[in-house]
């Protein structure tokens, strides 16, 4: 994830099999489009590569998805389930967090603390 150095990042621990994650996908797509250049939205999932590719194509996701094999990054951040949202500033510092489902208004408010 070195390509995100120096960028604000909304890191979302997510799952293609999670009902709450599925429910917030449209809001994450909207946030991705509206905050482009200000915040990168990235989902980390534990499913197989093929499952993720199939889901992303079918659902037309605008945000990036990376596979977290063995949920190692999930454990590193201390995520408590899916979805779980971590806001990182350009220095890589966690400046906000929202565990659980979050709609567009909640996500927009969370990301509004960034410069």
PDB file of N, CA and C in Angstrom:
ATOM      1  N   UNK A   1       0.822  -1.189   0.000  1.00  0.00           N
ATOM      2  CA  UNK A   1       0.000   0.000   0.000  1.00  0.00           C
ATOM      3  C   UNK A   1       0.867   1.255   0.000  1.00  0.00           C
ATOM      4  N   UNK A   2       2.104   1.079  -0.423  1.00  0.00           N
ATOM      5  CA  UNK A   2       3.026   2.204  -0.474  1.00  0.00           C
ATOM      6  C   UNK A   2       2.543   3.292  -1.418  1.00  0.00           C
ATOM      7  N   UNK A   3       1.710   2.947  -2.397  1.00  0.00           N
ATOM      8  CA  UNK A   3       1.195   3.927  -3.338  1.00  0.00           C
ATOM      9  C   UNK A   3       0.306   4.978  -2.702  1.00  0.00           C
ATOM     10  N   UNK A   4      -0.060   4.788  -1.442  1.00  0.00           N
ATOM     11  CA  UNK A   4      -0.919   5.736  -0.747  1.00  0.00           C
ATOM     12  C   UNK A   4      -0.142   6.655   0.188  1.00  0.00           C
ATOM     13  N   UNK A   5       1.174   6.539   0.213  1.00  0.00           N
ATOM     14  CA  UNK A   5       1.977   7.417   1.076  1.00  0.00           C
ATOM     15  C   UNK A   5       1.707   8.872   0.721  1.00  0.00           C
ATOM     16  N   UNK A   6       1.530   9.675   1.755  1.00  0.00           N
ATOM     17  CA  UNK A   6       1.299  11.100   1.552  1.00  0.00           C
ATOM     18  C   UNK A   6      -0.136  11.444   1.187  1.00  0.00           C
ATOM     19  N   UNK A   7      -1.036  10.460   1.242  1.00  0.00           N
ATOM     20  CA  UNK A   7      -2.441  10.699   0.908  1.00  0.00           C
ATOM     21  C   UNK A   7      -3.329  10.405   2.107  1.00  0.00           C
ATOM     22  N   UNK A   8      -4.419  11.140   2.197  1.00  0.00           N
ATOM     23  CA  UNK A   8      -5.443  10.831   3.181  1.00  0.00           C
ATOM     24  C   UNK A   8      -6.155   9.567   2.730  1.00  0.00           C
ATOM     25  N   UNK A   9      -6.498   8.722   3.685  1.00  0.00           N
ATOM     26  CA  UNK A   9      -7.025   7.409   3.345  1.00  0.00           C
ATOM     27  C   UNK A   9      -8.168   7.019   4.277  1.00  0.00           C
ATOM     28  N   UNK A  10      -9.271   6.586   3.696  1.00  0.00           N
ATOM     29  CA  UNK A  10     -10.324   5.944   4.473  1.00  0.00           C
ATOM     30  C   UNK A  10     -10.168   4.454   4.232  1.00  0.00           C
ATOM     31  N   UNK A  11      -9.674   3.768   5.238  1.00  0.00           N
ATOM     32  CA  UNK A  11      -9.422   2.336   5.173  1.00  0.00           C
ATOM     33  C   UNK A  11     -10.632   1.626   5.769  1.00  0.00           C
ATOM     34  N   UNK A  12     -11.283   0.795   4.949  1.00  0.00           N
ATOM     35  CA  UNK A  12     -12.506   0.120   5.376  1.00  0.00           C
ATOM     36  C   UNK A  12     -12.272  -1.383   5.376  1.00  0.00           C
ATOM     37  N   UNK A  13     -12.392  -1.994   6.542  1.00  0.00           N
ATOM     38  CA  UNK A  13     -12.342  -3.456   6.615  1.00  0.00           C
ATOM     39  C   UNK A  13     -13.737  -3.921   6.251  1.00  0.00           C
ATOM     40  N   UNK A  14     -13.794  -4.755   5.233  1.00  0.00           N
ATOM     41  CA  UNK A  14     -15.036  -5.015   4.518  1.00  0.00           C
ATOM     42  C   UNK A  14     -15.115  -6.471   4.133  1.00  0.00           C
ATOM     43  N   UNK A  15     -16.279  -6.918   3.742  1.00  0.00           N
ATOM     44  CA  UNK A  15     -16.444  -8.292   3.284  1.00  0.00           C
ATOM     45  C   UNK A  15     -17.536  -8.337   2.214  1.00  0.00           C
ATOM     46  N   UNK A  16     -17.300  -9.097   1.169  1.00  0.00           N
ATOM     47  CA  UNK A  16     -18.316  -9.217   0.119  1.00  0.00           C
ATOM     48  C   UNK A  16     -19.517 -10.028   0.600  1.00  0.00           C
ATOM     49  N   UNK A  17     -19.377 -10.743   1.696  1.00  0.00           N
ATOM     50  CA  UNK A  17     -20.466 -11.540   2.256  1.00  0.00           C
ATOM     51  C   UNK A  17     -21.178 -10.853   3.421  1.00  0.00           C
ATOM     52  N   UNK A  18     -20.831  -9.606   3.686  1.00  0.00           N
ATOM     53  CA  UNK A  18     -21.376  -8.869   4.831  1.00  0.00           C
ATOM     54  C   UNK A  18     -22.562  -8.019   4.381  1.00  0.00           C
ATOM     55  N   UNK A  19     -23.716  -8.245   4.988  1.00  0.00           N
ATOM     56  CA  UNK A  19     -24.914  -7.481   4.634  1.00  0.00           C
ATOM     57  C   UNK A  19     -24.765  -5.984   4.874  1.00  0.00           C
ATOM     58  N   UNK A  20     -24.151  -5.610   5.995  1.00  0.00           N
ATOM     59  CA  UNK A  20     -23.952  -4.190   6.291  1.00  0.00           C
ATOM     60  C   UNK A  20     -22.974  -3.561   5.301  1.00  0.00           C
ATOM     61  N   UNK A  21     -21.961  -4.317   4.900  1.00  0.00           N
ATOM     62  CA  UNK A  21     -21.000  -3.820   3.903  1.00  0.00           C
ATOM     63  C   UNK A  21     -21.712  -3.591   2.578  1.00  0.00           C
ATOM     64  N   UNK A  22     -22.526  -4.553   2.186  1.00  0.00           N
ATOM     65  CA  UNK A  22     -23.272  -4.429   0.941  1.00  0.00           C
ATOM     66  C   UNK A  22     -24.179  -3.198   0.988  1.00  0.00           C
ATOM     67  N   UNK A  23     -24.756  -2.962   2.134  1.00  0.00           N
ATOM     68  CA  UNK A  23     -25.667  -1.822   2.293  1.00  0.00           C
ATOM     69  C   UNK A  23     -24.942  -0.484   2.138  1.00  0.00           C
ATOM     70  N   UNK A  24     -23.670  -0.413   2.521  1.00  0.00           N
ATOM     71  CA  UNK A  24     -22.967   0.869   2.451  1.00  0.00           C
ATOM     72  C   UNK A  24     -22.173   1.060   1.161  1.00  0.00           C
ATOM     73  N   UNK A  25     -22.198   0.097   0.250  1.00  0.00           N
ATOM     74  CA  UNK A  25     -21.374   0.208  -0.963  1.00  0.00           C
ATOM     75  C   UNK A  25     -21.722   1.431  -1.799  1.00  0.00           C
ATOM     76  N   UNK A  26     -22.988   1.766  -1.921  1.00  0.00           N
ATOM     77  CA  UNK A  26     -23.379   2.948  -2.702  1.00  0.00           C
ATOM     78  C   UNK A  26     -22.842   4.227  -2.051  1.00  0.00           C
ATOM     79  N   UNK A  27     -22.847   4.271  -0.731  1.00  0.00           N
ATOM     80  CA  UNK A  27     -22.327   5.442  -0.025  1.00  0.00           C
ATOM     81  C   UNK A  27     -20.813   5.542  -0.159  1.00  0.00           C
ATOM     82  N   UNK A  28     -20.128   4.409  -0.142  1.00  0.00           N
ATOM     83  CA  UNK A  28     -18.677   4.416  -0.359  1.00  0.00           C
ATOM     84  C   UNK A  28     -18.350   4.836  -1.787  1.00  0.00           C
ATOM     85  N   UNK A  29     -19.142   4.388  -2.750  1.00  0.00           N
ATOM     86  CA  UNK A  29     -18.959   4.822  -4.145  1.00  0.00           C
ATOM     87  C   UNK A  29     -19.124   6.337  -4.251  1.00  0.00           C
ATOM     88  N   UNK A  30     -20.178   6.853  -3.645  1.00  0.00           N
ATOM     89  CA  UNK A  30     -20.437   8.302  -3.683  1.00  0.00           C
ATOM     90  C   UNK A  30     -19.296   9.078  -3.032  1.00  0.00           C
ATOM     91  N   UNK A  31     -18.859   8.618  -1.870  1.00  0.00           N
ATOM     92  CA  UNK A  31     -17.759   9.282  -1.175  1.00  0.00           C
ATOM     93  C   UNK A  31     -16.494   9.263  -2.032  1.00  0.00           C
ATOM     94  N   UNK A  32     -16.233   8.145  -2.681  1.00  0.00           N
ATOM     95  CA  UNK A  32     -15.065   8.022  -3.547  1.00  0.00           C
ATOM     96  C   UNK A  32     -15.092   9.071  -4.655  1.00  0.00           C
ATOM     97  N   UNK A  33     -16.239   9.233  -5.268  1.00  0.00           N
ATOM     98  CA  UNK A  33     -16.366  10.210  -6.363  1.00  0.00           C
ATOM     99  C   UNK A  33     -16.297  11.649  -5.854  1.00  0.00           C
ATOM    100  N   UNK A  34     -16.982  11.930  -4.753  1.00  0.00           N
ATOM    101  CA  UNK A  34     -17.081  13.307  -4.274  1.00  0.00           C
ATOM    102  C   UNK A  34     -15.825  13.790  -3.547  1.00  0.00           C
ATOM    103  N   UNK A  35     -15.046  12.881  -2.988  1.00  0.00           N
ATOM    104  CA  UNK A  35     -13.839  13.275  -2.247  1.00  0.00           C
ATOM    105  C   UNK A  35     -12.565  12.982  -3.044  1.00  0.00           C
ATOM    106  N   UNK A  36     -12.724  12.696  -4.335  1.00  0.00           N
ATOM    107  CA  UNK A  36     -11.579  12.352  -5.181  1.00  0.00           C
ATOM    108  C   UNK A  36     -10.504  13.441  -5.092  1.00  0.00           C
ATOM    109  N   UNK A  37      -9.277  12.995  -4.900  1.00  0.00           N
ATOM    110  CA  UNK A  37      -8.168  13.923  -4.765  1.00  0.00           C
ATOM    111  C   UNK A  37      -7.961  14.403  -3.337  1.00  0.00           C
ATOM    112  N   UNK A  38      -8.951  14.177  -2.477  1.00  0.00           N
ATOM    113  CA  UNK A  38      -8.851  14.594  -1.082  1.00  0.00           C
ATOM    114  C   UNK A  38      -8.725  13.400  -0.138  1.00  0.00           C
ATOM    115  N   UNK A  39      -9.469  12.332  -0.443  1.00  0.00           N
ATOM    116  CA  UNK A  39      -9.453  11.116   0.365  1.00  0.00           C
ATOM    117  C   UNK A  39      -9.523   9.909  -0.571  1.00  0.00           C
ATOM    118  N   UNK A  40      -8.627   8.963  -0.380  1.00  0.00           N
ATOM    119  CA  UNK A  40      -8.677   7.697  -1.116  1.00  0.00           C
ATOM    120  C   UNK A  40      -9.479   6.702  -0.271  1.00  0.00           C
ATOM    121  N   UNK A  41     -10.458   6.059  -0.874  1.00  0.00           N
ATOM    122  CA  UNK A  41     -11.259   5.049  -0.176  1.00  0.00           C
ATOM    123  C   UNK A  41     -10.753   3.679  -0.604  1.00  0.00           C
ATOM    124  N   UNK A  42     -10.344   2.882   0.393  1.00  0.00           N
ATOM    125  CA  UNK A  42      -9.778   1.563   0.128  1.00  0.00           C
ATOM    126  C   UNK A  42     -10.433   0.552   1.063  1.00  0.00           C
ATOM    127  N   UNK A  43     -10.945  -0.522   0.480  1.00  0.00           N
ATOM    128  CA  UNK A  43     -11.513  -1.605   1.281  1.00  0.00           C
ATOM    129  C   UNK A  43     -10.514  -2.753   1.341  1.00  0.00           C
ATOM    130  N   UNK A  44     -10.373  -3.326   2.509  1.00  0.00           N
ATOM    131  CA  UNK A  44      -9.563  -4.528   2.709  1.00  0.00           C
ATOM    132  C   UNK A  44     -10.507  -5.666   3.029  1.00  0.00           C
ATOM    133  N   UNK A  45     -10.397  -6.743   2.263  1.00  0.00           N
ATOM    134  CA  UNK A  45     -11.288  -7.886   2.423  1.00  0.00           C
ATOM    135  C   UNK A  45     -10.481  -9.162   2.602  1.00  0.00           C
ATOM    136  N   UNK A  46     -11.102 -10.158   3.185  1.00  0.00           N
ATOM    137  CA  UNK A  46     -10.413 -11.423   3.418  1.00  0.00           C
ATOM    138  C   UNK A  46     -10.799 -12.534   2.459  1.00  0.00           C
ATOM    139  N   UNK A  47     -11.736 -12.266   1.570  1.00  0.00           N
ATOM    140  CA  UNK A  47     -12.195 -13.295   0.642  1.00  0.00           C
ATOM    141  C   UNK A  47     -11.161 -13.587  -0.445  1.00  0.00           C
ATOM    142  N   UNK A  48     -11.457 -14.599  -1.237  1.00  0.00           N
ATOM    143  CA  UNK A  48     -10.567 -14.982  -2.330  1.00  0.00           C
ATOM    144  C   UNK A  48     -10.555 -13.898  -3.408  1.00  0.00           C
ATOM    145  N   UNK A  49      -9.484 -13.883  -4.149  1.00  0.00           N
ATOM    146  CA  UNK A  49      -9.325 -12.904  -5.223  1.00  0.00           C
ATOM    147  C   UNK A  49     -10.481 -12.991  -6.217  1.00  0.00           C
ATOM    148  N   UNK A  50     -10.853 -14.206  -6.606  1.00  0.00           N
ATOM    149  CA  UNK A  50     -11.926 -14.370  -7.587  1.00  0.00           C
ATOM    150  C   UNK A  50     -13.261 -13.873  -7.052  1.00  0.00           C
ATOM    151  N   UNK A  51     -13.558 -14.156  -5.794  1.00  0.00           N
ATOM    152  CA  UNK A  51     -14.811 -13.682  -5.200  1.00  0.00           C
ATOM    153  C   UNK A  51     -14.865 -12.158  -5.203  1.00  0.00           C
ATOM    154  N   UNK A  52     -13.736 -11.534  -4.901  1.00  0.00           N
ATOM    155  CA  UNK A  52     -13.670 -10.074  -4.877  1.00  0.00           C
ATOM    156  C   UNK A  52     -13.819  -9.502  -6.280  1.00  0.00           C
ATOM    157  N   UNK A  53     -13.125 -10.084  -7.244  1.00  0.00           N
ATOM    158  CA  UNK A  53     -13.217  -9.607  -8.631  1.00  0.00           C
ATOM    159  C   UNK A  53     -14.649  -9.729  -9.154  1.00  0.00           C
ATOM    160  N   UNK A  54     -15.286 -10.864  -8.897  1.00  0.00           N
ATOM    161  CA  UNK A  54     -16.661 -11.075  -9.347  1.00  0.00           C
ATOM    162  C   UNK A  54     -17.610 -10.055  -8.723  1.00  0.00           C
ATOM    163  N   UNK A  55     -17.464  -9.850  -7.420  1.00  0.00           N
ATOM    164  CA  UNK A  55     -18.340  -8.919  -6.705  1.00  0.00           C
ATOM    165  C   UNK A  55     -18.127  -7.487  -7.197  1.00  0.00           C
ATOM    166  N   UNK A  56     -16.874  -7.063  -7.304  1.00  0.00           N
ATOM    167  CA  UNK A  56     -16.564  -5.697  -7.729  1.00  0.00           C
ATOM    168  C   UNK A  56     -17.104  -5.415  -9.125  1.00  0.00           C
ATOM    169  N   UNK A  57     -16.963  -6.373 -10.014  1.00  0.00           N
ATOM    170  CA  UNK A  57     -17.456  -6.196 -11.383  1.00  0.00           C
ATOM    171  C   UNK A  57     -18.982  -6.120 -11.405  1.00  0.00           C
ATOM    172  N   UNK A  58     -19.616  -7.036 -10.698  1.00  0.00           N
ATOM    173  CA  UNK A  58     -21.079  -7.089 -10.658  1.00  0.00           C
ATOM    174  C   UNK A  58     -21.681  -5.824 -10.053  1.00  0.00           C
ATOM    175  N   UNK A  59     -21.044  -5.305  -9.006  1.00  0.00           N
ATOM    176  CA  UNK A  59     -21.597  -4.175  -8.260  1.00  0.00           C
ATOM    177  C   UNK A  59     -21.106  -2.816  -8.749  1.00  0.00           C
ATOM    178  N   UNK A  60     -20.115  -2.782  -9.637  1.00  0.00           N
ATOM    179  CA  UNK A  60     -19.611  -1.513 -10.165  1.00  0.00           C
ATOM    180  C   UNK A  60     -18.985  -0.625  -9.105  1.00  0.00           C
ATOM    181  N   UNK A  61     -18.093  -1.190  -8.317  1.00  0.00           N
ATOM    182  CA  UNK A  61     -17.480  -0.438  -7.221  1.00  0.00           C
ATOM    183  C   UNK A  61     -16.488   0.599  -7.733  1.00  0.00           C
ATOM    184  N   UNK A  62     -16.561   1.798  -7.170  1.00  0.00           N
ATOM    185  CA  UNK A  62     -15.670   2.890  -7.557  1.00  0.00           C
ATOM    186  C   UNK A  62     -14.413   2.930  -6.692  1.00  0.00           C
ATOM    187  N   UNK A  63     -14.482   2.335  -5.508  1.00  0.00           N
ATOM    188  CA  UNK A  63     -13.338   2.358  -4.600  1.00  0.00           C
ATOM    189  C   UNK A  63     -12.458   1.138  -4.828  1.00  0.00           C
ATOM    190  N   UNK A  64     -11.227   1.248  -4.357  1.00  0.00           N
ATOM    191  CA  UNK A  64     -10.271   0.159  -4.553  1.00  0.00           C
ATOM    192  C   UNK A  64     -10.442  -0.905  -3.475  1.00  0.00           C
ATOM    193  N   UNK A  65     -10.159  -2.139  -3.857  1.00  0.00           N
ATOM    194  CA  UNK A  65     -10.247  -3.260  -2.922  1.00  0.00           C
ATOM    195  C   UNK A  65      -8.933  -4.031  -2.963  1.00  0.00           C
ATOM    196  N   UNK A  66      -8.432  -4.334  -1.772  1.00  0.00           N
ATOM    197  CA  UNK A  66      -7.234  -5.154  -1.639  1.00  0.00           C
ATOM    198  C   UNK A  66      -7.555  -6.347  -0.748  1.00  0.00           C
ATOM    199  N   UNK A  67      -6.872  -7.432  -1.001  1.00  0.00           N
ATOM    200  CA  UNK A  67      -7.082  -8.653  -0.208  1.00  0.00           C
ATOM    201  C   UNK A  67      -6.154  -8.623   1.000  1.00  0.00           C
ATOM    202  N   UNK A  68      -6.731  -8.876   2.153  1.00  0.00           N
ATOM    203  CA  UNK A  68      -5.989  -8.955   3.412  1.00  0.00           C
ATOM    204  C   UNK A  68      -5.934 -10.430   3.808  1.00  0.00           C
ATOM    205  N   UNK A  69      -4.979 -11.136   3.233  1.00  0.00           N
ATOM    206  CA  UNK A  69      -4.848 -12.584   3.486  1.00  0.00           C
ATOM    207  C   UNK A  69      -4.651 -12.858   4.971  1.00  0.00           C
ATOM    208  N   UNK A  70      -5.493 -13.710   5.492  1.00  0.00           N
ATOM    209  CA  UNK A  70      -5.408 -14.061   6.908  1.00  0.00           C
ATOM    210  C   UNK A  70      -5.810 -12.934   7.843  1.00  0.00           C
ATOM    211  N   UNK A  71      -6.409 -11.907   7.297  1.00  0.00           N
ATOM    212  CA  UNK A  71      -6.872 -10.748   8.085  1.00  0.00           C
ATOM    213  C   UNK A  71      -5.747 -10.164   8.956  1.00  0.00           C
ATOM    214  N   UNK A  72      -4.531 -10.150   8.431  1.00  0.00           N
ATOM    215  CA  UNK A  72      -3.377  -9.639   9.194  1.00  0.00           C
ATOM    216  C   UNK A  72      -3.473  -8.137   9.448  1.00  0.00           C
ATOM    217  N   UNK A  73      -3.859  -7.379   8.435  1.00  0.00           N
ATOM    218  CA  UNK A  73      -3.987  -5.924   8.605  1.00  0.00           C
ATOM    219  C   UNK A  73      -5.163  -5.626   9.533  1.00  0.00           C
ATOM    220  N   UNK A  74      -6.231  -6.391   9.392  1.00  0.00           N
ATOM    221  CA  UNK A  74      -7.403  -6.298  10.265  1.00  0.00           C
ATOM    222  C   UNK A  74      -6.959  -6.406  11.729  1.00  0.00           C
ATOM    223  N   UNK A  75      -6.152  -7.419  12.029  1.00  0.00           N
ATOM    224  CA  UNK A  75      -5.662  -7.635  13.398  1.00  0.00           C
ATOM    225  C   UNK A  75      -4.730  -6.513  13.830  1.00  0.00           C
ATOM    226  N   UNK A  76      -3.869  -6.060  12.932  1.00  0.00           N
ATOM    227  CA  UNK A  76      -2.920  -4.990  13.244  1.00  0.00           C
ATOM    228  C   UNK A  76      -3.648  -3.718  13.694  1.00  0.00           C
ATOM    229  N   UNK A  77      -4.725  -3.383  13.000  1.00  0.00           N
ATOM    230  CA  UNK A  77      -5.479  -2.172  13.342  1.00  0.00           C
ATOM    231  C   UNK A  77      -6.439  -2.388  14.514  1.00  0.00           C
ATOM    232  N   UNK A  78      -6.664  -3.621  14.895  1.00  0.00           N
ATOM    233  CA  UNK A  78      -7.593  -3.896  15.976  1.00  0.00           C
ATOM    234  C   UNK A  78      -9.045  -3.721  15.558  1.00  0.00           C
ATOM    235  N   UNK A  79      -9.321  -4.001  14.300  1.00  0.00           N
ATOM    236  CA  UNK A  79     -10.702  -3.899  13.807  1.00  0.00           C
ATOM    237  C   UNK A  79     -11.567  -4.903  14.561  1.00  0.00           C
ATOM    238  N   UNK A  80     -12.829  -4.557  14.716  1.00  0.00           N
ATOM    239  CA  UNK A  80     -13.718  -5.395  15.527  1.00  0.00           C
ATOM    240  C   UNK A  80     -14.738  -6.170  14.709  1.00  0.00           C
ATOM    241  N   UNK A  81     -14.758  -5.970  13.418  1.00  0.00           N
ATOM    242  CA  UNK A  81     -15.711  -6.649  12.546  1.00  0.00           C
ATOM    243  C   UNK A  81     -15.753  -5.953  11.212  1.00  0.00           C
ATOM    244  N   UNK A  82     -16.730  -6.317  10.421  1.00  0.00           N
ATOM    245  CA  UNK A  82     -16.917  -5.641   9.142  1.00  0.00           C
ATOM    246  C   UNK A  82     -18.333  -5.091   9.098  1.00  0.00           C
ATOM    247  N   UNK A  83     -18.471  -3.867   8.631  1.00  0.00           N
ATOM    248  CA  UNK A  83     -17.411  -2.947   8.270  1.00  0.00           C
ATOM    249  C   UNK A  83     -16.808  -2.256   9.494  1.00  0.00           C
ATOM    250  N   UNK A  84     -15.608  -1.778   9.325  1.00  0.00           N
ATOM    251  CA  UNK A  84     -14.916  -0.962  10.330  1.00  0.00           C
ATOM    252  C   UNK A  84     -14.066   0.031   9.555  1.00  0.00           C
ATOM    253  N   UNK A  85     -14.191   1.310   9.870  1.00  0.00           N
ATOM    254  CA  UNK A  85     -13.598   2.393   9.087  1.00  0.00           C
ATOM    255  C   UNK A  85     -12.514   3.105   9.889  1.00  0.00           C
ATOM    256  N   UNK A  86     -11.354   3.254   9.290  1.00  0.00           N
ATOM    257  CA  UNK A  86     -10.242   3.977   9.897  1.00  0.00           C
ATOM    258  C   UNK A  86      -9.844   5.110   8.958  1.00  0.00           C
ATOM    259  N   UNK A  87      -9.785   6.322   9.486  1.00  0.00           N
ATOM    260  CA  UNK A  87      -9.377   7.480   8.698  1.00  0.00           C
ATOM    261  C   UNK A  87      -7.925   7.793   9.025  1.00  0.00           C
ATOM    262  N   UNK A  88      -7.086   7.764   8.002  1.00  0.00           N
ATOM    263  CA  UNK A  88      -5.661   8.048   8.168  1.00  0.00           C
ATOM    264  C   UNK A  88      -5.323   9.337   7.426  1.00  0.00           C
ATOM    265  N   UNK A  89      -4.529  10.191   8.087  1.00  0.00           N
ATOM    266  CA  UNK A  89      -4.106  11.411   7.416  1.00  0.00           C
ATOM    267  C   UNK A  89      -2.913  11.119   6.518  1.00  0.00           C
ATOM    268  N   UNK A  90      -2.403  12.142   5.872  1.00  0.00           N
ATOM    269  CA  UNK A  90      -1.311  11.980   4.904  1.00  0.00           C
ATOM    270  C   UNK A  90      -0.031  11.458   5.551  1.00  0.00           C
ATOM    271  N   UNK A  91       0.085  11.574   6.877  1.00  0.00           N
ATOM    272  CA  UNK A  91       1.251  11.051   7.604  1.00  0.00           C
ATOM    273  C   UNK A  91       1.065   9.591   8.001  1.00  0.00           C
ATOM    274  N   UNK A  92      -0.129   9.038   7.744  1.00  0.00           N
ATOM    275  CA  UNK A  92      -0.416   7.662   8.116  1.00  0.00           C
ATOM    276  C   UNK A  92      -0.933   7.517   9.536  1.00  0.00           C
ATOM    277  N   UNK A  93      -1.228   8.632  10.185  1.00  0.00           N
ATOM    278  CA  UNK A  93      -1.759   8.617  11.549  1.00  0.00           C
ATOM    279  C   UNK A  93      -3.269   8.388  11.519  1.00  0.00           C
ATOM    280  N   UNK A  94      -3.763   7.568  12.435  1.00  0.00           N
ATOM    281  CA  UNK A  94      -5.208   7.373  12.560  1.00  0.00           C
ATOM    282  C   UNK A  94      -5.787   8.624  13.211  1.00  0.00           C
ATOM    283  N   UNK A  95      -6.677   9.304  12.493  1.00  0.00           N
ATOM    284  CA  UNK A  95      -7.270  10.533  13.014  1.00  0.00           C
ATOM    285  C   UNK A  95      -8.777  10.392  13.249  1.00  0.00           C
ATOM    286  N   UNK A  96      -9.330   9.241  12.875  1.00  0.00           N
ATOM    287  CA  UNK A  96     -10.745   9.003  13.097  1.00  0.00           C
ATOM    288  C   UNK A  96     -11.073   7.544  12.879  1.00  0.00           C
ATOM    289  N   UNK A  97     -12.170   7.136  13.499  1.00  0.00           N
ATOM    290  CA  UNK A  97     -12.593   5.751  13.354  1.00  0.00           C
ATOM    291  C   UNK A  97     -14.094   5.659  13.494  1.00  0.00           C
ATOM    292  N   UNK A  98     -14.690   4.759  12.731  1.00  0.00           N
ATOM    293  CA  UNK A  98     -16.118   4.489  12.836  1.00  0.00           C
ATOM    294  C   UNK A  98     -16.352   2.997  12.635  1.00  0.00           C
ATOM    295  N   UNK A  99     -16.510   2.245  13.736  1.00  0.00           N
ATOM    296  CA  UNK A  99     -16.833   0.826  13.580  1.00  0.00           C
ATOM    297  C   UNK A  99     -18.300   0.668  13.188  1.00  0.00           C
ATOM    298  N   UNK A 100     -18.579  -0.398  12.457  1.00  0.00           N
ATOM    299  CA  UNK A 100     -19.959  -0.692  12.075  1.00  0.00           C
ATOM    300  C   UNK A 100     -20.402   0.046  10.830  1.00  0.00           C
ATOM    301  N   UNK A 101     -21.635  -0.209  10.458  1.00  0.00           N
ATOM    302  CA  UNK A 101     -22.223   0.408   9.269  1.00  0.00           C
ATOM    303  C   UNK A 101     -22.178   1.927   9.374  1.00  0.00           C
ATOM    304  N   UNK A 102     -21.878   2.577   8.251  1.00  0.00           N
ATOM    305  CA  UNK A 102     -21.879   4.040   8.198  1.00  0.00           C
ATOM    306  C   UNK A 102     -22.467   4.486   6.869  1.00  0.00           C
ATOM    307  N   UNK A 103     -23.474   5.361   6.921  1.00  0.00           N
ATOM    308  CA  UNK A 103     -24.049   5.875   5.682  1.00  0.00           C
ATOM    309  C   UNK A 103     -23.214   7.056   5.182  1.00  0.00           C
ATOM    310  N   UNK A 104     -23.631   7.635   4.059  1.00  0.00           N
ATOM    311  CA  UNK A 104     -22.853   8.703   3.441  1.00  0.00           C
ATOM    312  C   UNK A 104     -22.650   9.888   4.389  1.00  0.00           C
ATOM    313  N   UNK A 105     -23.690  10.289   5.095  1.00  0.00           N
ATOM    314  CA  UNK A 105     -23.587  11.442   5.989  1.00  0.00           C
ATOM    315  C   UNK A 105     -22.541  11.212   7.070  1.00  0.00           C
ATOM    316  N   UNK A 106     -22.534  10.022   7.650  1.00  0.00           N
ATOM    317  CA  UNK A 106     -21.558   9.687   8.691  1.00  0.00           C
ATOM    318  C   UNK A 106     -20.148   9.658   8.101  1.00  0.00           C
ATOM    319  N   UNK A 107     -19.991   9.036   6.936  1.00  0.00           N
ATOM    320  CA  UNK A 107     -18.676   8.960   6.290  1.00  0.00           C
ATOM    321  C   UNK A 107     -18.176  10.342   5.879  1.00  0.00           C
ATOM    322  N   UNK A 108     -19.064  11.167   5.366  1.00  0.00           N
ATOM    323  CA  UNK A 108     -18.689  12.517   4.962  1.00  0.00           C
ATOM    324  C   UNK A 108     -18.248  13.350   6.170  1.00  0.00           C
ATOM    325  N   UNK A 109     -18.982  13.219   7.256  1.00  0.00           N
ATOM    326  CA  UNK A 109     -18.613  13.940   8.479  1.00  0.00           C
ATOM    327  C   UNK A 109     -17.261  13.450   9.003  1.00  0.00           C
ATOM    328  N   UNK A 110     -17.049  12.143   8.988  1.00  0.00           N
ATOM    329  CA  UNK A 110     -15.775  11.570   9.441  1.00  0.00           C
ATOM    330  C   UNK A 110     -14.624  12.138   8.617  1.00  0.00           C
ATOM    331  N   UNK A 111     -14.758  12.157   7.301  1.00  0.00           N
ATOM    332  CA  UNK A 111     -13.668  12.604   6.445  1.00  0.00           C
ATOM    333  C   UNK A 111     -13.514  14.121   6.420  1.00  0.00           C
ATOM    334  N   UNK A 112     -14.507  14.854   6.906  1.00  0.00           N
ATOM    335  CA  UNK A 112     -14.433  16.314   6.876  1.00  0.00           C
ATOM    336  C   UNK A 112     -13.397  16.875   7.849  1.00  0.00           C
ATOM    337  N   UNK A 113     -12.879  16.054   8.752  1.00  0.00           N
ATOM    338  CA  UNK A 113     -11.874  16.545   9.700  1.00  0.00           C
ATOM    339  C   UNK A 113     -10.502  16.683   9.042  1.00  0.00           C
ATOM    340  N   UNK A 114     -10.348  16.153   7.838  1.00  0.00           N
ATOM    341  CA  UNK A 114      -9.071  16.235   7.134  1.00  0.00           C
ATOM    342  C   UNK A 114      -8.880  17.615   6.516  1.00  0.00           C
ATOM    343  N   UNK A 115      -7.625  18.063   6.447  1.00  0.00           N
ATOM    344  CA  UNK A 115      -7.370  19.390   5.837  1.00  0.00           C
ATOM    345  C   UNK A 115      -7.680  19.389   4.341  1.00  0.00           C
TER     346      UNK A 115
END
